[in-house]
PDB file of N, CA and C in Angstrom:
ATOM      1  N   ASP A   1      35.080  14.635 130.964  1.00  0.00           N
ATOM      2  CA  ASP A   1      36.201  14.781 129.773  1.00  0.00           C
ATOM      3  C   ASP A   1      36.259  13.641 129.130  1.00  0.00           C
ATOM      4  N   GLU A   2      36.351  13.596 127.745  1.00  0.00           N
ATOM      5  CA  GLU A   2      36.123  12.335 127.100  1.00  0.00           C
ATOM      6  C   GLU A   2      37.477  11.547 127.142  1.00  0.00           C
ATOM      7  N   ARG A   3      38.710  12.262 127.354  1.00  0.00           N
ATOM      8  CA  ARG A   3      39.562  11.290 127.624  1.00  0.00           C
ATOM      9  C   ARG A   3      39.651  10.277 128.591  1.00  0.00           C
ATOM     10  N   GLU A   4      38.857  10.618 129.551  1.00  0.00           N
ATOM     11  CA  GLU A   4      38.671   9.725 130.591  1.00  0.00           C
ATOM     12  C   GLU A   4      38.150   8.231 129.963  1.00  0.00           C
ATOM     13  N   ASN A   5      37.231   8.382 128.930  1.00  0.00           N
ATOM     14  CA  ASN A   5      36.843   7.036 128.310  1.00  0.00           C
ATOM     15  C   ASN A   5      37.943   6.598 127.463  1.00  0.00           C
ATOM     16  N   ILE A   6      39.044   7.026 126.918  1.00  0.00           N
ATOM     17  CA  ILE A   6      39.831   6.374 126.160  1.00  0.00           C
ATOM     18  C   ILE A   6      40.838   5.249 126.933  1.00  0.00           C
ATOM     19  N   SER A   7      41.459   5.968 128.036  1.00  0.00           N
ATOM     20  CA  SER A   7      42.443   5.114 128.991  1.00  0.00           C
ATOM     21  C   SER A   7      42.666   6.164 130.157  1.00  0.00           C
ATOM     22  N   PRO A   8      42.846   5.555 131.402  1.00  0.00           N
ATOM     23  CA  PRO A   8      43.048   6.426 132.565  1.00  0.00           C
ATOM     24  C   PRO A   8      44.588   7.249 132.251  1.00  0.00           C
ATOM     25  N   LEU A   9      45.416   6.682 131.671  1.00  0.00           N
ATOM     26  CA  LEU A   9      46.679   7.209 131.392  1.00  0.00           C
ATOM     27  C   LEU A   9      46.623   8.403 130.497  1.00  0.00           C
ATOM     28  N   LEU A  10      45.482   8.584 129.511  1.00  0.00           N
ATOM     29  CA  LEU A  10      45.294   9.673 128.778  1.00  0.00           C
ATOM     30  C   LEU A  10      44.639  10.876 129.537  1.00  0.00           C
ATOM     31  N   ALA A  11      44.005  10.323 130.529  1.00  0.00           N
ATOM     32  CA  ALA A  11      43.427  11.518 131.371  1.00  0.00           C
ATOM     33  C   ALA A  11      44.281  12.353 132.258  1.00  0.00           C
ATOM     34  N   ASP A  12      45.581  11.916 132.192  1.00  0.00           N
ATOM     35  CA  ASP A  12      46.664  12.749 132.946  1.00  0.00           C
ATOM     36  C   ASP A  12      47.158  13.614 131.519  1.00  0.00           C
ATOM     37  N   ASP A  13      47.050  14.543 131.909  1.00  0.00           N
ATOM     38  CA  ASP A  13      47.533  15.973 130.890  1.00  0.00           C
ATOM     39  C   ASP A  13      48.890  15.884 130.364  1.00  0.00           C
ATOM     40  N   ASP A  14      49.981  15.471 131.249  1.00  0.00           N
ATOM     41  CA  ASP A  14      50.981  15.318 130.984  1.00  0.00           C
ATOM     42  C   ASP A  14      51.535  14.304 129.909  1.00  0.00           C
ATOM     43  N   PHE A  15      50.704  13.058 130.329  1.00  0.00           N
ATOM     44  CA  PHE A  15      50.911  11.686 129.632  1.00  0.00           C
ATOM     45  C   PHE A  15      50.212  12.280 128.248  1.00  0.00           C
ATOM     46  N   TYR A  16      49.019  12.747 127.933  1.00  0.00           N
ATOM     47  CA  TYR A  16      48.203  13.009 126.952  1.00  0.00           C
ATOM     48  C   TYR A  16      49.131  13.953 125.978  1.00  0.00           C
ATOM     49  N   ASP A  17      49.807  15.109 126.475  1.00  0.00           N
ATOM     50  CA  ASP A  17      50.542  15.924 125.646  1.00  0.00           C
ATOM     51  C   ASP A  17      51.753  15.299 124.951  1.00  0.00           C
ATOM     52  N   ALA A  18      52.438  14.396 125.853  1.00  0.00           N
ATOM     53  CA  ALA A  18      53.623  13.464 125.585  1.00  0.00           C
ATOM     54  C   ALA A  18      53.082  12.594 124.427  1.00  0.00           C
ATOM     55  N   ALA A  19      51.898  11.991 124.574  1.00  0.00           N
ATOM     56  CA  ALA A  19      51.413  11.177 123.489  1.00  0.00           C
ATOM     57  C   ALA A  19      51.275  11.853 122.408  1.00  0.00           C
ATOM     58  N   LEU A  20      50.633  13.045 122.236  1.00  0.00           N
ATOM     59  CA  LEU A  20      50.389  14.014 121.004  1.00  0.00           C
ATOM     60  C   LEU A  20      51.683  14.282 120.372  1.00  0.00           C
ATOM     61  N   ASP A  21      52.850  14.646 121.171  1.00  0.00           N
ATOM     62  CA  ASP A  21      54.075  15.139 120.763  1.00  0.00           C
ATOM     63  C   ASP A  21      54.762  13.927 120.055  1.00  0.00           C
ATOM     64  N   LEU A  22      54.490  12.819 120.341  1.00  0.00           N
ATOM     65  CA  LEU A  22      55.113  11.526 119.913  1.00  0.00           C
ATOM     66  C   LEU A  22      54.344  11.160 118.407  1.00  0.00           C
ATOM     67  N   ALA A  23      52.933  11.100 118.563  1.00  0.00           N
ATOM     68  CA  ALA A  23      52.217  11.149 117.095  1.00  0.00           C
ATOM     69  C   ALA A  23      52.718  12.019 116.293  1.00  0.00           C
ATOM     70  N   ALA A  24      53.063  13.401 116.458  1.00  0.00           N
ATOM     71  CA  ALA A  24      53.323  14.503 115.526  1.00  0.00           C
ATOM     72  C   ALA A  24      54.757  13.926 115.106  1.00  0.00           C
ATOM     73  N   SER A  25      55.590  13.723 115.955  1.00  0.00           N
ATOM     74  CA  SER A  25      57.070  13.448 115.383  1.00  0.00           C
ATOM     75  C   SER A  25      57.285  12.154 114.586  1.00  0.00           C
ATOM     76  N   THR A  26      56.420  11.170 114.942  1.00  0.00           N
ATOM     77  CA  THR A  26      56.248   9.995 113.810  1.00  0.00           C
ATOM     78  C   THR A  26      55.600  10.301 112.804  1.00  0.00           C
ATOM     79  N   ASP A  27      54.478  11.132 112.706  1.00  0.00           N
ATOM     80  CA  ASP A  27      54.142  11.743 111.207  1.00  0.00           C
ATOM     81  C   ASP A  27      55.257  12.265 110.579  1.00  0.00           C
ATOM     82  N   ARG A  28      55.781  13.158 110.972  1.00  0.00           N
ATOM     83  CA  ARG A  28      56.890  13.896 110.460  1.00  0.00           C
ATOM     84  C   ARG A  28      57.758  12.929 109.920  1.00  0.00           C
ATOM     85  N   LYS A  29      58.488  11.843 110.653  1.00  0.00           N
ATOM     86  CA  LYS A  29      59.357  10.946 110.151  1.00  0.00           C
ATOM     87  C   LYS A  29      58.816  10.178 108.876  1.00  0.00           C
ATOM     88  N   VAL A  30      57.452   9.754 109.152  1.00  0.00           N
ATOM     89  CA  VAL A  30      56.779   8.872 107.903  1.00  0.00           C
ATOM     90  C   VAL A  30      56.801   9.929 106.604  1.00  0.00           C
ATOM     91  N   SER A  31      56.587  11.236 106.794  1.00  0.00           N
ATOM     92  CA  SER A  31      56.564  12.232 105.668  1.00  0.00           C
ATOM     93  C   SER A  31      57.779  12.182 105.287  1.00  0.00           C
ATOM     94  N   ALA A  32      58.806  12.452 106.146  1.00  0.00           N
ATOM     95  CA  ALA A  32      60.320  12.609 105.639  1.00  0.00           C
ATOM     96  C   ALA A  32      60.811  11.392 104.694  1.00  0.00           C
ATOM     97  N   GLY A  33      60.429  10.142 105.284  1.00  0.00           N
ATOM     98  CA  GLY A  33      61.045   9.005 104.531  1.00  0.00           C
ATOM     99  C   GLY A  33      59.874   8.318 103.896  1.00  0.00           C
ATOM    100  N   GLY A  34      59.090   8.997 102.990  1.00  0.00           N
ATOM    101  CA  GLY A  34      57.814   8.603 102.432  1.00  0.00           C
ATOM    102  C   GLY A  34      58.116   7.537 101.406  1.00  0.00           C
ATOM    103  N   THR A  35      59.247   7.674 100.723  1.00  0.00           N
ATOM    104  CA  THR A  35      59.381   6.665  99.592  1.00  0.00           C
ATOM    105  C   THR A  35      59.733   5.280 100.157  1.00  0.00           C
ATOM    106  N   ALA A  36      60.770   5.271 101.326  1.00  0.00           N
ATOM    107  CA  ALA A  36      60.912   3.849 102.281  1.00  0.00           C
ATOM    108  C   ALA A  36      59.537   3.393 102.644  1.00  0.00           C
ATOM    109  N   ARG A  37      58.919   4.251 103.363  1.00  0.00           N
ATOM    110  CA  ARG A  37      57.609   3.886 103.894  1.00  0.00           C
ATOM    111  C   ARG A  37      56.859   3.168 102.812  1.00  0.00           C
ATOM    112  N   THR A  38      56.546   3.680 101.708  1.00  0.00           N
ATOM    113  CA  THR A  38      55.869   3.297 100.720  1.00  0.00           C
ATOM    114  C   THR A  38      56.115   1.953 100.160  1.00  0.00           C
ATOM    115  N   ARG A  39      57.506   1.755 100.181  1.00  0.00           N
ATOM    116  CA  ARG A  39      58.113   0.458  99.874  1.00  0.00           C
ATOM    117  C   ARG A  39      57.743  -0.559 100.802  1.00  0.00           C
ATOM    118  N   GLN A  40      57.977  -0.482 102.234  1.00  0.00           N
ATOM    119  CA  GLN A  40      57.367  -0.944 103.332  1.00  0.00           C
ATOM    120  C   GLN A  40      56.121  -1.571 103.151  1.00  0.00           C
ATOM    121  N   LEU A  41      55.303  -0.563 102.862  1.00  0.00           N
ATOM    122  CA  LEU A  41      53.616  -0.946 102.670  1.00  0.00           C
ATOM    123  C   LEU A  41      53.432  -1.664 101.282  1.00  0.00           C
ATOM    124  N   GLU A  42      54.141  -1.705 100.438  1.00  0.00           N
ATOM    125  CA  GLU A  42      54.020  -2.478  99.347  1.00  0.00           C
ATOM    126  C   GLU A  42      54.298  -4.045  99.684  1.00  0.00           C
ATOM    127  N   GLN A  43      55.446  -4.009 100.320  1.00  0.00           N
ATOM    128  CA  GLN A  43      56.217  -5.219 100.766  1.00  0.00           C
ATOM    129  C   GLN A  43      55.014  -5.999 101.914  1.00  0.00           C
ATOM    130  N   LEU A  44      54.547  -5.225 102.668  1.00  0.00           N
ATOM    131  CA  LEU A  44      53.412  -5.900 103.590  1.00  0.00           C
ATOM    132  C   LEU A  44      52.070  -6.280 102.860  1.00  0.00           C
ATOM    133  N   GLU A  45      51.839  -5.552 101.891  1.00  0.00           N
ATOM    134  CA  GLU A  45      50.707  -5.861 101.204  1.00  0.00           C
ATOM    135  C   GLU A  45      50.748  -7.212 100.279  1.00  0.00           C
ATOM    136  N   GLN A  46      52.016  -7.303  99.877  1.00  0.00           N
ATOM    137  CA  GLN A  46      52.435  -8.343  99.064  1.00  0.00           C
ATOM    138  C   GLN A  46      52.472  -9.713 100.114  1.00  0.00           C
ATOM    139  N   ALA A  47      53.122  -9.409 101.325  1.00  0.00           N
ATOM    140  CA  ALA A  47      53.087 -10.670 102.194  1.00  0.00           C
ATOM    141  C   ALA A  47      51.894 -11.052 102.506  1.00  0.00           C
ATOM    142  N   GLN A  48      50.781  -9.981 102.891  1.00  0.00           N
ATOM    143  CA  GLN A  48      49.270 -10.359 103.116  1.00  0.00           C
ATOM    144  C   GLN A  48      48.787 -11.058 101.927  1.00  0.00           C
ATOM    145  N   GLN A  49      49.040 -10.880 100.738  1.00  0.00           N
ATOM    146  CA  GLN A  49      48.452 -11.561  99.728  1.00  0.00           C
ATOM    147  C   GLN A  49      48.785 -12.793  99.549  1.00  0.00           C
ATOM    148  N   VAL A  50      50.158 -13.235  99.956  1.00  0.00           N
ATOM    149  CA  VAL A  50      50.617 -14.544 100.026  1.00  0.00           C
ATOM    150  C   VAL A  50      50.213 -15.441 101.113  1.00  0.00           C
ATOM    151  N   LEU A  51      50.040 -14.734 102.233  1.00  0.00           N
ATOM    152  CA  LEU A  51      49.531 -15.593 103.585  1.00  0.00           C
ATOM    153  C   LEU A  51      47.911 -15.899 103.157  1.00  0.00           C
ATOM    154  N   SER A  52      47.031 -14.859 102.693  1.00  0.00           N
ATOM    155  CA  SER A  52      45.866 -15.360 102.196  1.00  0.00           C
ATOM    156  C   SER A  52      45.673 -16.399 101.144  1.00  0.00           C
ATOM    157  N   GLN A  53      46.469 -16.234 100.190  1.00  0.00           N
ATOM    158  CA  GLN A  53      46.666 -17.475  99.365  1.00  0.00           C
ATOM    159  C   GLN A  53      46.874 -18.823 100.078  1.00  0.00           C
ATOM    160  N   TRP A  54      47.888 -18.885 100.879  1.00  0.00           N
ATOM    161  CA  TRP A  54      48.154 -19.827 101.698  1.00  0.00           C
ATOM    162  C   TRP A  54      46.863 -20.492 102.405  1.00  0.00           C
ATOM    163  N   LYS A  55      46.299 -19.554 102.968  1.00  0.00           N
ATOM    164  CA  LYS A  55      44.864 -19.798 103.774  1.00  0.00           C
ATOM    165  C   LYS A  55      43.959 -20.475 102.892  1.00  0.00           C
ATOM    166  N   ASN A  56      43.845 -20.027 101.629  1.00  0.00           N
ATOM    167  CA  ASN A  56      42.667 -20.461 100.560  1.00  0.00           C
ATOM    168  C   ASN A  56      43.124 -21.572  99.877  1.00  0.00           C
ATOM    169  N   HIS A  57      44.537 -22.218 100.025  1.00  0.00           N
ATOM    170  CA  HIS A  57      45.297 -23.019  99.483  1.00  0.00           C
ATOM    171  C   HIS A  57      45.123 -23.010  97.845  1.00  0.00           C
ATOM    172  N   ASP A  58      45.523 -21.729  97.510  1.00  0.00           N
ATOM    173  CA  ASP A  58      45.882 -21.275  96.260  1.00  0.00           C
ATOM    174  C   ASP A  58      47.434 -21.169  96.169  1.00  0.00           C
ATOM    175  N   TRP A  59      47.775 -22.285  95.191  1.00  0.00           N
ATOM    176  CA  TRP A  59      49.407 -22.264  95.593  1.00  0.00           C
ATOM    177  C   TRP A  59      50.109 -21.421  94.374  1.00  0.00           C
ATOM    178  N   ARG A  60      49.271 -20.761  93.616  1.00  0.00           N
ATOM    179  CA  ARG A  60      49.754 -19.836  92.350  1.00  0.00           C
ATOM    180  C   ARG A  60      50.263 -18.545  93.097  1.00  0.00           C
ATOM    181  N   PHE A  61      51.401 -18.532  93.678  1.00  0.00           N
ATOM    182  CA  PHE A  61      52.104 -17.337  94.178  1.00  0.00           C
ATOM    183  C   PHE A  61      52.686 -16.163  93.181  1.00  0.00           C
ATOM    184  N   PRO A  62      52.521 -15.021  93.547  1.00  0.00           N
ATOM    185  CA  PRO A  62      53.034 -14.186  92.694  1.00  0.00           C
ATOM    186  C   PRO A  62      54.702 -14.067  92.972  1.00  0.00           C
ATOM    187  N   PRO A  63      55.503 -13.663  91.957  1.00  0.00           N
ATOM    188  CA  PRO A  63      56.856 -13.610  92.298  1.00  0.00           C
ATOM    189  C   PRO A  63      57.438 -12.634  93.465  1.00  0.00           C
ATOM    190  N   LEU A  64      58.110 -13.001  94.427  1.00  0.00           N
ATOM    191  CA  LEU A  64      58.420 -12.213  95.436  1.00  0.00           C
ATOM    192  C   LEU A  64      59.588 -11.599  95.085  1.00  0.00           C
ATOM    193  N   ASP A  65      59.730 -10.254  95.400  1.00  0.00           N
ATOM    194  CA  ASP A  65      60.976  -9.483  95.347  1.00  0.00           C
ATOM    195  C   ASP A  65      61.508  -8.661  96.712  1.00  0.00           C
ATOM    196  N   PHE A  66      61.372  -9.351  97.689  1.00  0.00           N
ATOM    197  CA  PHE A  66      61.464  -8.673  99.287  1.00  0.00           C
ATOM    198  C   PHE A  66      62.880  -8.383  99.142  1.00  0.00           C
TER     199      PHE A  66
END
């Protein structure tokens, strides 16, 4: 069974089913809150850009609007 290669917990059918249910409900919540989710992703990308500029010692930051 390929699930045994993933994790011993996932080899347990009850745990596997619960994990699938959780993933499905999370997907639904993300779809329902799509615009808020998109905004969070934009903020995350902006933060990652700032961090990479810091790492590269490029001090010309874009304006932040968190």
